[in-house]
Amino acid sequence: QISRNAAAESMVLLKNEGNALPIAAGSSIALFGNNQLDLVAGGTGSGDVNKMYSVPLADGLFRAGYALNTDLYRTYSQYMAAENAKRPKRSLMEELMSPIVPIAEMSVTNEQIKSAAVKSEMAVIAIGRNAGEGNDRKEVDDYNLTQKELQLIKSVAAAFHALNKKVVVTLNIGGVVDVMQWREDVDAILLAWQPGLEGGNAMADVVSGKVNP
């Protein structure tokens, strides 16, 4: 509970146009982005946090009573499981000192996005970054979003806005990222930092209005 409260209290609402947040209780949400299932609880090296478990965003939103688009959730779950299975084992020192190369953002077709826009009341796009001791960050595909991430934001925004539905982006990051290229495309941006083991629940507390950021 202490971790959950601390995480929620540290979050910053960077944008909230047209009362996109808070999301009404029981709303149906189309959740996009690998980060929905792959919470970055803490950084690398001494920037990491001691955790027995971690709650990803998808779990936090589901536990908060939101209805997640099942087709999207299933597709992301299968993709992440398959990609994680391909990864080689890493030593303890490698785990401590260098962030694991993130899984490439899953490709989502325009048909999948349009279908989700029809079935769901709004979209949430989860963006994640790890950083910390022993590894310098890069401008390309780290400070700046990847081309896949930028295209995902633009495509989701176009489909949902065409139906007068809101789009929210969550930033689960340690160091800052550039928002200039895409901030006008979305209705709300929540900066969640690296929120520890209860991160998904804490983000849900904020987007639901249970906690005022």
N, C-alpha and C. Protein backbone atom coordinates (compact mmCIF):
# COMPACT_ATOMS: atom_id res chain seq x y z
N GLN A 1 0.82 -1.20 0.00
CA GLN A 1 0.00 0.00 0.00
C GLN A 1 0.87 1.26 0.00
N ILE A 2 1.97 1.23 0.77
CA ILE A 2 2.89 2.37 0.80
C ILE A 2 3.47 2.61 -0.59
N SER A 3 3.91 1.52 -1.25
CA SER A 3 4.48 1.64 -2.58
C SER A 3 3.46 2.18 -3.58
N ARG A 4 2.25 1.67 -3.49
CA ARG A 4 1.17 2.11 -4.40
C ARG A 4 0.86 3.59 -4.19
N ASN A 5 0.78 4.02 -2.95
CA ASN A 5 0.49 5.42 -2.67
C ASN A 5 1.62 6.34 -3.15
N ALA A 6 2.86 5.92 -2.88
CA ALA A 6 4.02 6.73 -3.27
C ALA A 6 4.08 6.88 -4.79
N ALA A 7 3.81 5.78 -5.50
CA ALA A 7 3.84 5.82 -6.96
C ALA A 7 2.78 6.77 -7.51
N ALA A 8 1.56 6.64 -7.02
CA ALA A 8 0.47 7.49 -7.51
C ALA A 8 0.73 8.96 -7.21
N GLU A 9 1.27 9.25 -6.02
CA GLU A 9 1.51 10.64 -5.63
C GLU A 9 2.64 11.29 -6.45
N SER A 10 3.50 10.46 -7.03
CA SER A 10 4.63 11.00 -7.79
C SER A 10 4.29 11.28 -9.26
N MET A 11 3.16 10.78 -9.73
CA MET A 11 2.83 10.90 -11.16
C MET A 11 2.43 12.32 -11.53
N VAL A 12 2.69 12.66 -12.80
CA VAL A 12 2.45 14.02 -13.30
C VAL A 12 1.55 13.95 -14.53
N LEU A 13 0.49 14.73 -14.50
CA LEU A 13 -0.41 14.81 -15.65
C LEU A 13 0.10 15.90 -16.58
N LEU A 14 0.67 15.49 -17.71
CA LEU A 14 1.27 16.44 -18.64
C LEU A 14 0.24 17.10 -19.55
N LYS A 15 -0.84 16.39 -19.80
CA LYS A 15 -1.88 16.95 -20.69
C LYS A 15 -3.20 16.29 -20.35
N ASN A 16 -4.28 17.06 -20.44
CA ASN A 16 -5.62 16.50 -20.24
C ASN A 16 -6.65 17.41 -20.90
N GLU A 17 -6.85 17.20 -22.20
CA GLU A 17 -7.77 18.03 -22.98
C GLU A 17 -9.16 17.39 -23.01
N GLY A 18 -10.17 18.22 -22.90
CA GLY A 18 -11.54 17.73 -23.04
C GLY A 18 -11.94 16.72 -21.99
N ASN A 19 -11.35 16.82 -20.80
CA ASN A 19 -11.69 15.89 -19.71
C ASN A 19 -11.53 14.43 -20.12
N ALA A 20 -10.44 14.15 -20.83
CA ALA A 20 -10.16 12.76 -21.19
C ALA A 20 -9.99 11.91 -19.95
N LEU A 21 -9.38 12.48 -18.93
CA LEU A 21 -9.23 11.83 -17.63
C LEU A 21 -10.01 12.62 -16.59
N PRO A 22 -10.55 11.99 -15.57
CA PRO A 22 -10.49 10.55 -15.31
C PRO A 22 -11.41 9.74 -16.22
N ILE A 23 -11.09 8.46 -16.37
CA ILE A 23 -11.90 7.55 -17.17
C ILE A 23 -13.04 7.03 -16.32
N ALA A 24 -14.25 7.14 -16.82
CA ALA A 24 -15.44 6.73 -16.06
C ALA A 24 -15.37 5.26 -15.68
N ALA A 25 -15.85 4.96 -14.49
CA ALA A 25 -15.86 3.58 -13.99
C ALA A 25 -16.59 2.66 -14.96
N GLY A 26 -16.00 1.48 -15.18
CA GLY A 26 -16.64 0.48 -16.03
C GLY A 26 -16.48 0.69 -17.52
N SER A 27 -15.74 1.72 -17.93
CA SER A 27 -15.56 2.00 -19.35
C SER A 27 -14.83 0.86 -20.04
N SER A 28 -15.08 0.72 -21.34
CA SER A 28 -14.35 -0.25 -22.15
C SER A 28 -13.14 0.43 -22.77
N ILE A 29 -11.97 -0.19 -22.62
CA ILE A 29 -10.70 0.41 -23.04
C ILE A 29 -9.98 -0.49 -24.04
N ALA A 30 -9.52 0.11 -25.13
CA ALA A 30 -8.61 -0.57 -26.06
C ALA A 30 -7.19 -0.21 -25.62
N LEU A 31 -6.45 -1.20 -25.13
CA LEU A 31 -5.12 -0.95 -24.57
C LEU A 31 -4.06 -1.39 -25.56
N PHE A 32 -3.23 -0.43 -25.96
CA PHE A 32 -2.18 -0.68 -26.96
C PHE A 32 -0.79 -0.53 -26.32
N GLY A 33 0.21 -1.18 -26.94
CA GLY A 33 1.59 -1.02 -26.51
C GLY A 33 2.10 -2.20 -25.69
N ASN A 34 3.32 -2.65 -26.01
CA ASN A 34 3.93 -3.75 -25.26
C ASN A 34 3.98 -3.47 -23.75
N ASN A 35 4.18 -2.20 -23.41
CA ASN A 35 4.39 -1.83 -22.01
C ASN A 35 3.19 -2.13 -21.12
N GLN A 36 2.03 -2.34 -21.71
CA GLN A 36 0.86 -2.70 -20.91
C GLN A 36 1.08 -4.00 -20.14
N LEU A 37 1.96 -4.88 -20.65
CA LEU A 37 2.23 -6.17 -20.02
C LEU A 37 3.64 -6.26 -19.46
N ASP A 38 4.44 -5.23 -19.67
CA ASP A 38 5.87 -5.29 -19.34
C ASP A 38 6.25 -4.05 -18.53
N LEU A 39 5.75 -3.96 -17.30
CA LEU A 39 5.99 -2.80 -16.46
C LEU A 39 7.49 -2.62 -16.19
N VAL A 40 7.96 -1.38 -16.32
CA VAL A 40 9.32 -1.02 -15.90
C VAL A 40 9.19 -0.48 -14.48
N ALA A 41 9.37 -1.36 -13.50
CA ALA A 41 9.15 -0.98 -12.10
C ALA A 41 10.25 -0.07 -11.59
N GLY A 42 11.49 -0.34 -11.99
CA GLY A 42 12.63 0.46 -11.55
C GLY A 42 13.72 0.44 -12.60
N GLY A 43 14.76 1.22 -12.39
CA GLY A 43 15.84 1.31 -13.36
C GLY A 43 16.84 0.17 -13.23
N THR A 44 18.01 0.35 -13.84
CA THR A 44 19.05 -0.66 -13.78
C THR A 44 20.06 -0.33 -12.68
N GLY A 45 20.85 -1.34 -12.28
CA GLY A 45 21.86 -1.13 -11.25
C GLY A 45 21.23 -0.66 -9.95
N SER A 46 21.82 0.36 -9.34
CA SER A 46 21.30 0.86 -8.06
C SER A 46 20.00 1.64 -8.24
N GLY A 47 19.57 1.83 -9.48
CA GLY A 47 18.27 2.47 -9.73
C GLY A 47 17.11 1.49 -9.67
N ASP A 48 17.40 0.20 -9.48
CA ASP A 48 16.33 -0.79 -9.44
C ASP A 48 15.64 -0.79 -8.08
N VAL A 49 14.51 -1.43 -8.01
CA VAL A 49 13.78 -1.55 -6.75
C VAL A 49 13.62 -3.02 -6.40
N ASN A 50 13.57 -3.30 -5.10
CA ASN A 50 13.40 -4.66 -4.61
C ASN A 50 11.92 -5.03 -4.74
N LYS A 51 11.62 -6.06 -5.48
CA LYS A 51 10.20 -6.38 -5.72
C LYS A 51 9.98 -7.89 -5.76
N MET A 52 8.94 -8.33 -5.08
CA MET A 52 8.56 -9.74 -5.11
C MET A 52 7.66 -10.04 -6.31
N TYR A 53 7.08 -9.01 -6.87
CA TYR A 53 6.16 -9.15 -8.00
C TYR A 53 6.05 -7.78 -8.64
N SER A 54 5.40 -7.69 -9.78
CA SER A 54 5.08 -6.38 -10.35
C SER A 54 3.72 -6.46 -11.02
N VAL A 55 2.97 -5.37 -10.92
CA VAL A 55 1.62 -5.31 -11.49
C VAL A 55 1.67 -4.46 -12.76
N PRO A 56 1.51 -5.08 -13.94
CA PRO A 56 1.52 -4.29 -15.18
C PRO A 56 0.24 -3.47 -15.34
N LEU A 57 0.27 -2.54 -16.27
CA LEU A 57 -0.86 -1.64 -16.48
C LEU A 57 -2.14 -2.39 -16.80
N ALA A 58 -2.06 -3.40 -17.66
CA ALA A 58 -3.26 -4.15 -18.03
C ALA A 58 -3.94 -4.74 -16.81
N ASP A 59 -3.17 -5.31 -15.91
CA ASP A 59 -3.73 -5.89 -14.69
C ASP A 59 -4.35 -4.81 -13.81
N GLY A 60 -3.65 -3.68 -13.70
CA GLY A 60 -4.15 -2.59 -12.86
C GLY A 60 -5.49 -2.07 -13.36
N LEU A 61 -5.61 -1.88 -14.66
CA LEU A 61 -6.87 -1.38 -15.22
C LEU A 61 -7.99 -2.40 -15.07
N PHE A 62 -7.66 -3.68 -15.28
CA PHE A 62 -8.66 -4.74 -15.13
C PHE A 62 -9.16 -4.82 -13.69
N ARG A 63 -8.22 -4.76 -12.74
CA ARG A 63 -8.59 -4.83 -11.32
C ARG A 63 -9.42 -3.60 -10.90
N ALA A 64 -9.23 -2.49 -11.62
CA ALA A 64 -9.97 -1.27 -11.30
C ALA A 64 -11.39 -1.30 -11.89
N GLY A 65 -11.72 -2.37 -12.59
CA GLY A 65 -13.09 -2.53 -13.09
C GLY A 65 -13.31 -2.13 -14.53
N TYR A 66 -12.22 -1.84 -15.27
CA TYR A 66 -12.39 -1.49 -16.68
C TYR A 66 -12.46 -2.76 -17.54
N ALA A 67 -13.20 -2.65 -18.63
CA ALA A 67 -13.33 -3.76 -19.57
C ALA A 67 -12.30 -3.59 -20.68
N LEU A 68 -11.29 -4.45 -20.70
CA LEU A 68 -10.25 -4.34 -21.72
C LEU A 68 -10.67 -5.09 -22.98
N ASN A 69 -10.31 -4.55 -24.14
CA ASN A 69 -10.60 -5.21 -25.41
C ASN A 69 -9.88 -6.56 -25.43
N THR A 70 -10.66 -7.64 -25.44
CA THR A 70 -10.07 -8.97 -25.28
C THR A 70 -9.24 -9.39 -26.50
N ASP A 71 -9.65 -8.99 -27.69
CA ASP A 71 -8.88 -9.36 -28.89
C ASP A 71 -7.47 -8.77 -28.83
N LEU A 72 -7.40 -7.48 -28.48
CA LEU A 72 -6.09 -6.83 -28.38
C LEU A 72 -5.25 -7.44 -27.26
N TYR A 73 -5.87 -7.65 -26.11
CA TYR A 73 -5.13 -8.20 -24.96
C TYR A 73 -4.56 -9.57 -25.30
N ARG A 74 -5.36 -10.41 -25.93
CA ARG A 74 -4.90 -11.75 -26.30
C ARG A 74 -3.74 -11.68 -27.29
N THR A 75 -3.86 -10.81 -28.28
CA THR A 75 -2.81 -10.68 -29.30
C THR A 75 -1.50 -10.21 -28.68
N TYR A 76 -1.56 -9.18 -27.83
CA TYR A 76 -0.35 -8.70 -27.16
C TYR A 76 0.24 -9.77 -26.24
N SER A 77 -0.60 -10.49 -25.51
CA SER A 77 -0.12 -11.51 -24.58
C SER A 77 0.63 -12.61 -25.33
N GLN A 78 0.07 -13.06 -26.44
CA GLN A 78 0.71 -14.11 -27.22
C GLN A 78 2.02 -13.63 -27.83
N TYR A 79 2.03 -12.40 -28.31
CA TYR A 79 3.25 -11.84 -28.89
C TYR A 79 4.35 -11.71 -27.86
N MET A 80 4.03 -11.16 -26.69
CA MET A 80 5.05 -10.95 -25.66
C MET A 80 5.58 -12.29 -25.13
N ALA A 81 4.71 -13.28 -24.98
CA ALA A 81 5.14 -14.59 -24.50
C ALA A 81 6.10 -15.24 -25.51
N ALA A 82 5.77 -15.13 -26.79
CA ALA A 82 6.61 -15.73 -27.83
C ALA A 82 7.97 -15.03 -27.91
N GLU A 83 7.97 -13.70 -27.81
CA GLU A 83 9.23 -12.95 -27.89
C GLU A 83 10.10 -13.17 -26.65
N ASN A 84 9.49 -13.24 -25.49
CA ASN A 84 10.24 -13.51 -24.26
C ASN A 84 10.89 -14.88 -24.28
N ALA A 85 10.20 -15.84 -24.90
CA ALA A 85 10.73 -17.21 -24.97
C ALA A 85 12.00 -17.28 -25.82
N LYS A 86 12.18 -16.33 -26.72
CA LYS A 86 13.36 -16.32 -27.60
C LYS A 86 14.60 -15.74 -26.92
N ARG A 87 14.43 -15.10 -25.78
CA ARG A 87 15.54 -14.38 -25.15
C ARG A 87 16.50 -15.33 -24.46
N PRO A 88 17.81 -15.09 -24.60
CA PRO A 88 18.79 -15.93 -23.90
C PRO A 88 18.82 -15.61 -22.41
N LYS A 89 19.30 -16.58 -21.63
CA LYS A 89 19.46 -16.36 -20.19
C LYS A 89 20.56 -15.32 -19.96
N ARG A 90 20.37 -14.47 -18.96
CA ARG A 90 21.35 -13.43 -18.64
C ARG A 90 21.89 -13.64 -17.23
N SER A 91 23.18 -13.29 -17.06
CA SER A 91 23.79 -13.41 -15.74
C SER A 91 23.25 -12.34 -14.81
N LEU A 92 23.48 -12.52 -13.51
CA LEU A 92 23.03 -11.54 -12.53
C LEU A 92 23.65 -10.18 -12.79
N MET A 93 24.95 -10.16 -13.14
CA MET A 93 25.62 -8.89 -13.41
C MET A 93 25.03 -8.20 -14.63
N GLU A 94 24.71 -8.97 -15.66
CA GLU A 94 24.08 -8.38 -16.84
C GLU A 94 22.72 -7.78 -16.49
N GLU A 95 21.98 -8.49 -15.66
CA GLU A 95 20.67 -7.99 -15.25
C GLU A 95 20.80 -6.69 -14.46
N LEU A 96 21.83 -6.61 -13.61
CA LEU A 96 22.00 -5.45 -12.75
C LEU A 96 22.50 -4.22 -13.50
N MET A 97 23.43 -4.45 -14.43
CA MET A 97 24.18 -3.33 -14.98
C MET A 97 23.72 -2.85 -16.35
N SER A 98 22.93 -3.61 -17.05
CA SER A 98 22.51 -3.14 -18.37
C SER A 98 21.06 -3.52 -18.63
N PRO A 99 20.27 -2.56 -19.08
CA PRO A 99 18.87 -2.88 -19.36
C PRO A 99 18.77 -3.87 -20.50
N ILE A 100 17.89 -4.83 -20.38
CA ILE A 100 17.69 -5.79 -21.45
C ILE A 100 17.13 -5.06 -22.67
N VAL A 101 17.56 -5.47 -23.85
CA VAL A 101 17.07 -4.83 -25.07
C VAL A 101 15.56 -5.03 -25.14
N PRO A 102 14.81 -3.95 -25.24
CA PRO A 102 13.34 -4.10 -25.21
C PRO A 102 12.83 -4.88 -26.43
N ILE A 103 11.74 -5.58 -26.22
CA ILE A 103 11.09 -6.29 -27.32
C ILE A 103 10.53 -5.25 -28.29
N ALA A 104 10.74 -5.47 -29.57
CA ALA A 104 10.24 -4.54 -30.59
C ALA A 104 8.74 -4.40 -30.47
N GLU A 105 8.26 -3.17 -30.58
CA GLU A 105 6.82 -2.90 -30.46
C GLU A 105 6.04 -3.77 -31.44
N MET A 106 5.00 -4.40 -30.95
CA MET A 106 4.19 -5.27 -31.80
C MET A 106 3.51 -4.46 -32.90
N SER A 107 3.48 -5.02 -34.08
CA SER A 107 2.79 -4.37 -35.20
C SER A 107 1.29 -4.60 -35.07
N VAL A 108 0.53 -3.53 -35.17
CA VAL A 108 -0.93 -3.62 -35.11
C VAL A 108 -1.47 -3.10 -36.43
N THR A 109 -2.34 -3.86 -37.06
CA THR A 109 -2.88 -3.45 -38.36
C THR A 109 -3.94 -2.37 -38.20
N ASN A 110 -4.16 -1.63 -39.27
CA ASN A 110 -5.21 -0.61 -39.26
C ASN A 110 -6.59 -1.25 -39.03
N GLU A 111 -6.76 -2.48 -39.53
CA GLU A 111 -8.03 -3.17 -39.32
C GLU A 111 -8.24 -3.47 -37.84
N GLN A 112 -7.18 -3.90 -37.14
CA GLN A 112 -7.29 -4.17 -35.70
C GLN A 112 -7.60 -2.89 -34.93
N ILE A 113 -6.97 -1.80 -35.33
CA ILE A 113 -7.18 -0.52 -34.65
C ILE A 113 -8.61 -0.03 -34.87
N LYS A 114 -9.08 -0.11 -36.11
CA LYS A 114 -10.43 0.35 -36.42
C LYS A 114 -11.49 -0.50 -35.73
N SER A 115 -11.24 -1.80 -35.65
CA SER A 115 -12.17 -2.69 -34.95
C SER A 115 -12.23 -2.34 -33.47
N ALA A 116 -11.05 -2.07 -32.88
CA ALA A 116 -10.99 -1.70 -31.46
C ALA A 116 -11.70 -0.37 -31.22
N ALA A 117 -11.58 0.54 -32.18
CA ALA A 117 -12.21 1.86 -32.03
C ALA A 117 -13.74 1.74 -32.02
N VAL A 118 -14.26 0.81 -32.78
CA VAL A 118 -15.71 0.60 -32.82
C VAL A 118 -16.19 -0.04 -31.51
N LYS A 119 -15.41 -1.01 -31.00
CA LYS A 119 -15.85 -1.80 -29.85
C LYS A 119 -15.57 -1.14 -28.51
N SER A 120 -14.59 -0.24 -28.44
CA SER A 120 -14.16 0.32 -27.16
C SER A 120 -14.51 1.80 -27.07
N GLU A 121 -14.65 2.28 -25.84
CA GLU A 121 -15.05 3.68 -25.62
C GLU A 121 -13.88 4.64 -25.70
N MET A 122 -12.67 4.14 -25.47
CA MET A 122 -11.49 5.00 -25.56
C MET A 122 -10.24 4.13 -25.70
N ALA A 123 -9.11 4.77 -26.00
CA ALA A 123 -7.85 4.06 -26.16
C ALA A 123 -6.84 4.53 -25.14
N VAL A 124 -6.03 3.61 -24.65
CA VAL A 124 -4.87 3.93 -23.83
C VAL A 124 -3.65 3.29 -24.50
N ILE A 125 -2.60 4.09 -24.70
CA ILE A 125 -1.37 3.60 -25.31
C ILE A 125 -0.26 3.64 -24.26
N ALA A 126 0.34 2.49 -23.98
CA ALA A 126 1.36 2.37 -22.95
C ALA A 126 2.75 2.40 -23.58
N ILE A 127 3.55 3.40 -23.19
CA ILE A 127 4.93 3.55 -23.68
C ILE A 127 5.88 3.35 -22.51
N GLY A 128 6.92 2.53 -22.70
CA GLY A 128 7.86 2.26 -21.61
C GLY A 128 9.31 2.44 -22.04
N ARG A 129 10.16 2.80 -21.06
CA ARG A 129 11.60 2.93 -21.27
C ARG A 129 12.32 2.54 -19.98
N ASN A 130 13.43 1.82 -20.12
CA ASN A 130 14.27 1.58 -18.96
C ASN A 130 15.55 2.38 -19.09
N ALA A 131 16.18 2.69 -17.97
CA ALA A 131 17.43 3.44 -17.95
C ALA A 131 18.04 3.28 -16.57
N GLY A 132 19.32 3.62 -16.46
CA GLY A 132 19.94 3.55 -15.14
C GLY A 132 21.43 3.41 -15.19
N GLU A 133 21.97 2.93 -14.10
CA GLU A 133 23.41 2.82 -13.91
C GLU A 133 24.05 1.91 -14.96
N GLY A 134 25.20 2.36 -15.48
CA GLY A 134 25.99 1.51 -16.35
C GLY A 134 25.60 1.54 -17.81
N ASN A 135 24.70 2.43 -18.19
CA ASN A 135 24.27 2.44 -19.58
C ASN A 135 23.81 3.83 -19.99
N ASP A 136 24.49 4.44 -20.94
CA ASP A 136 24.07 5.74 -21.44
C ASP A 136 22.86 5.57 -22.35
N ARG A 137 21.96 6.54 -22.31
CA ARG A 137 20.80 6.52 -23.19
C ARG A 137 21.18 7.07 -24.56
N LYS A 138 20.36 6.74 -25.54
CA LYS A 138 20.59 7.20 -26.90
C LYS A 138 19.42 8.07 -27.36
N GLU A 139 19.72 8.94 -28.33
CA GLU A 139 18.66 9.80 -28.84
C GLU A 139 17.68 9.02 -29.71
N VAL A 140 18.23 8.20 -30.62
CA VAL A 140 17.41 7.45 -31.57
C VAL A 140 16.73 6.27 -30.87
N ASP A 141 15.43 6.16 -31.02
CA ASP A 141 14.63 5.05 -30.50
C ASP A 141 14.67 4.90 -28.98
N ASP A 142 15.08 5.97 -28.28
CA ASP A 142 15.09 5.93 -26.82
C ASP A 142 14.55 7.27 -26.31
N TYR A 143 15.33 8.35 -26.48
CA TYR A 143 14.79 9.68 -26.17
C TYR A 143 13.64 9.99 -27.12
N ASN A 144 13.85 9.75 -28.41
CA ASN A 144 12.76 9.85 -29.37
C ASN A 144 12.04 8.51 -29.42
N LEU A 145 10.74 8.53 -29.61
CA LEU A 145 10.01 7.29 -29.77
C LEU A 145 10.44 6.60 -31.07
N THR A 146 10.24 5.29 -31.12
CA THR A 146 10.57 4.56 -32.34
C THR A 146 9.53 4.89 -33.42
N GLN A 147 9.85 4.59 -34.65
CA GLN A 147 8.90 4.82 -35.73
C GLN A 147 7.62 4.00 -35.53
N LYS A 148 7.77 2.79 -35.00
CA LYS A 148 6.59 1.96 -34.74
C LYS A 148 5.69 2.60 -33.69
N GLU A 149 6.30 3.15 -32.65
CA GLU A 149 5.52 3.80 -31.60
C GLU A 149 4.82 5.05 -32.13
N LEU A 150 5.56 5.84 -32.91
CA LEU A 150 4.96 7.05 -33.48
C LEU A 150 3.80 6.71 -34.41
N GLN A 151 3.99 5.67 -35.22
CA GLN A 151 2.93 5.27 -36.13
C GLN A 151 1.73 4.73 -35.38
N LEU A 152 1.98 3.99 -34.30
CA LEU A 152 0.89 3.46 -33.48
C LEU A 152 0.06 4.60 -32.91
N ILE A 153 0.71 5.61 -32.36
CA ILE A 153 0.00 6.75 -31.79
C ILE A 153 -0.84 7.45 -32.85
N LYS A 154 -0.24 7.70 -34.03
CA LYS A 154 -0.96 8.41 -35.08
C LYS A 154 -2.16 7.60 -35.58
N SER A 155 -1.96 6.30 -35.77
CA SER A 155 -3.03 5.45 -36.30
C SER A 155 -4.17 5.30 -35.30
N VAL A 156 -3.82 5.10 -34.03
CA VAL A 156 -4.86 4.96 -32.99
C VAL A 156 -5.61 6.28 -32.83
N ALA A 157 -4.88 7.37 -32.81
CA ALA A 157 -5.53 8.68 -32.66
C ALA A 157 -6.48 8.95 -33.82
N ALA A 158 -6.06 8.65 -35.04
CA ALA A 158 -6.91 8.89 -36.21
C ALA A 158 -8.20 8.08 -36.13
N ALA A 159 -8.08 6.80 -35.78
CA ALA A 159 -9.25 5.92 -35.75
C ALA A 159 -10.21 6.29 -34.63
N PHE A 160 -9.70 6.58 -33.45
CA PHE A 160 -10.57 6.88 -32.32
C PHE A 160 -11.15 8.29 -32.41
N HIS A 161 -10.35 9.24 -32.85
CA HIS A 161 -10.87 10.61 -32.99
C HIS A 161 -11.93 10.70 -34.08
N ALA A 162 -11.83 9.84 -35.09
CA ALA A 162 -12.85 9.83 -36.14
C ALA A 162 -14.22 9.47 -35.58
N LEU A 163 -14.22 8.76 -34.44
CA LEU A 163 -15.46 8.37 -33.78
C LEU A 163 -15.71 9.18 -32.51
N ASN A 164 -14.99 10.31 -32.40
CA ASN A 164 -15.11 11.21 -31.24
C ASN A 164 -14.81 10.50 -29.91
N LYS A 165 -13.78 9.66 -29.94
CA LYS A 165 -13.36 8.94 -28.74
C LYS A 165 -11.95 9.37 -28.35
N LYS A 166 -11.67 9.37 -27.04
CA LYS A 166 -10.42 9.92 -26.51
C LYS A 166 -9.27 8.92 -26.57
N VAL A 167 -8.04 9.50 -26.58
CA VAL A 167 -6.82 8.69 -26.59
C VAL A 167 -5.89 9.20 -25.48
N VAL A 168 -5.45 8.28 -24.62
CA VAL A 168 -4.57 8.61 -23.50
C VAL A 168 -3.25 7.86 -23.67
N VAL A 169 -2.13 8.52 -23.38
CA VAL A 169 -0.82 7.87 -23.40
C VAL A 169 -0.26 7.84 -21.98
N THR A 170 0.24 6.68 -21.56
CA THR A 170 0.95 6.57 -20.28
C THR A 170 2.44 6.41 -20.56
N LEU A 171 3.27 7.14 -19.82
CA LEU A 171 4.72 7.08 -19.98
C LEU A 171 5.34 6.44 -18.74
N ASN A 172 5.73 5.17 -18.87
CA ASN A 172 6.38 4.41 -17.79
C ASN A 172 7.89 4.48 -18.06
N ILE A 173 8.51 5.60 -17.62
CA ILE A 173 9.88 5.90 -18.02
C ILE A 173 10.71 6.37 -16.83
N GLY A 174 12.04 6.23 -16.96
CA GLY A 174 12.95 6.76 -15.95
C GLY A 174 13.49 8.11 -16.38
N GLY A 175 14.24 8.12 -17.49
CA GLY A 175 14.69 9.38 -18.07
C GLY A 175 13.62 9.92 -19.00
N VAL A 176 13.73 11.19 -19.33
CA VAL A 176 12.69 11.83 -20.14
C VAL A 176 12.69 11.33 -21.58
N VAL A 177 11.56 11.47 -22.25
CA VAL A 177 11.45 11.20 -23.69
C VAL A 177 10.84 12.43 -24.35
N ASP A 178 11.04 12.53 -25.66
CA ASP A 178 10.48 13.64 -26.42
C ASP A 178 8.99 13.40 -26.67
N VAL A 179 8.18 14.43 -26.40
CA VAL A 179 6.74 14.33 -26.68
C VAL A 179 6.31 15.28 -27.80
N MET A 180 7.24 16.13 -28.26
CA MET A 180 6.89 17.19 -29.22
C MET A 180 6.31 16.64 -30.52
N GLN A 181 6.80 15.46 -30.94
CA GLN A 181 6.37 14.93 -32.24
C GLN A 181 4.94 14.40 -32.23
N TRP A 182 4.40 14.12 -31.04
CA TRP A 182 3.11 13.43 -31.02
C TRP A 182 2.10 13.96 -30.01
N ARG A 183 2.47 14.93 -29.20
CA ARG A 183 1.57 15.34 -28.12
C ARG A 183 0.26 15.94 -28.61
N GLU A 184 0.27 16.55 -29.80
CA GLU A 184 -0.97 17.14 -30.33
C GLU A 184 -1.93 16.07 -30.86
N ASP A 185 -1.44 14.84 -31.03
CA ASP A 185 -2.28 13.77 -31.56
C ASP A 185 -3.15 13.12 -30.49
N VAL A 186 -2.83 13.33 -29.21
CA VAL A 186 -3.54 12.62 -28.15
C VAL A 186 -4.23 13.61 -27.20
N ASP A 187 -5.14 13.08 -26.40
CA ASP A 187 -5.94 13.94 -25.52
C ASP A 187 -5.35 14.09 -24.12
N ALA A 188 -4.65 13.06 -23.65
CA ALA A 188 -4.07 13.12 -22.31
C ALA A 188 -2.75 12.36 -22.28
N ILE A 189 -1.83 12.83 -21.45
CA ILE A 189 -0.53 12.17 -21.27
C ILE A 189 -0.27 12.10 -19.76
N LEU A 190 -0.07 10.88 -19.27
CA LEU A 190 0.25 10.67 -17.85
C LEU A 190 1.69 10.21 -17.72
N LEU A 191 2.50 10.99 -17.02
CA LEU A 191 3.89 10.63 -16.76
C LEU A 191 3.93 9.83 -15.45
N ALA A 192 4.14 8.51 -15.58
CA ALA A 192 4.07 7.62 -14.42
C ALA A 192 5.45 7.26 -13.86
N TRP A 193 6.51 7.73 -14.51
CA TRP A 193 7.87 7.39 -14.08
C TRP A 193 8.08 5.88 -14.02
N GLN A 194 8.96 5.42 -13.13
CA GLN A 194 9.15 3.99 -12.90
C GLN A 194 8.53 3.70 -11.53
N PRO A 195 7.29 3.19 -11.52
CA PRO A 195 6.47 3.29 -10.31
C PRO A 195 6.52 2.13 -9.33
N GLY A 196 7.54 1.25 -9.43
CA GLY A 196 7.65 0.19 -8.45
C GLY A 196 6.68 -0.96 -8.66
N LEU A 197 6.66 -1.88 -7.70
CA LEU A 197 5.95 -3.14 -7.89
C LEU A 197 4.44 -2.99 -8.08
N GLU A 198 3.84 -1.93 -7.53
CA GLU A 198 2.39 -1.72 -7.65
C GLU A 198 2.05 -0.74 -8.78
N GLY A 199 2.96 -0.62 -9.74
CA GLY A 199 2.82 0.40 -10.78
C GLY A 199 1.50 0.38 -11.53
N GLY A 200 1.06 -0.79 -11.96
CA GLY A 200 -0.19 -0.87 -12.72
C GLY A 200 -1.40 -0.43 -11.90
N ASN A 201 -1.41 -0.82 -10.64
CA ASN A 201 -2.51 -0.39 -9.76
C ASN A 201 -2.46 1.11 -9.51
N ALA A 202 -1.24 1.64 -9.33
CA ALA A 202 -1.09 3.08 -9.07
C ALA A 202 -1.52 3.90 -10.29
N MET A 203 -1.16 3.46 -11.49
CA MET A 203 -1.60 4.17 -12.71
C MET A 203 -3.12 4.12 -12.83
N ALA A 204 -3.70 2.98 -12.51
CA ALA A 204 -5.16 2.87 -12.55
C ALA A 204 -5.81 3.79 -11.52
N ASP A 205 -5.18 3.95 -10.35
CA ASP A 205 -5.71 4.86 -9.34
C ASP A 205 -5.78 6.29 -9.87
N VAL A 206 -4.78 6.67 -10.68
CA VAL A 206 -4.75 8.03 -11.22
C VAL A 206 -5.73 8.20 -12.38
N VAL A 207 -5.70 7.29 -13.35
CA VAL A 207 -6.59 7.47 -14.51
C VAL A 207 -8.06 7.34 -14.13
N SER A 208 -8.35 6.64 -13.03
CA SER A 208 -9.74 6.50 -12.59
C SER A 208 -10.21 7.70 -11.76
N GLY A 209 -9.26 8.53 -11.33
CA GLY A 209 -9.62 9.67 -10.51
C GLY A 209 -9.61 9.37 -9.02
N LYS A 210 -9.26 8.13 -8.65
CA LYS A 210 -9.15 7.80 -7.23
C LYS A 210 -8.07 8.62 -6.56
N VAL A 211 -6.99 8.89 -7.32
CA VAL A 211 -5.90 9.77 -6.86
C VAL A 211 -5.80 10.93 -7.84
N ASN A 212 -5.69 12.14 -7.30
CA ASN A 212 -5.55 13.34 -8.13
C ASN A 212 -4.06 13.62 -8.36
N PRO A 213 -3.59 13.55 -9.63
CA PRO A 213 -2.15 13.73 -9.88
C PRO A 213 -1.72 15.18 -9.70
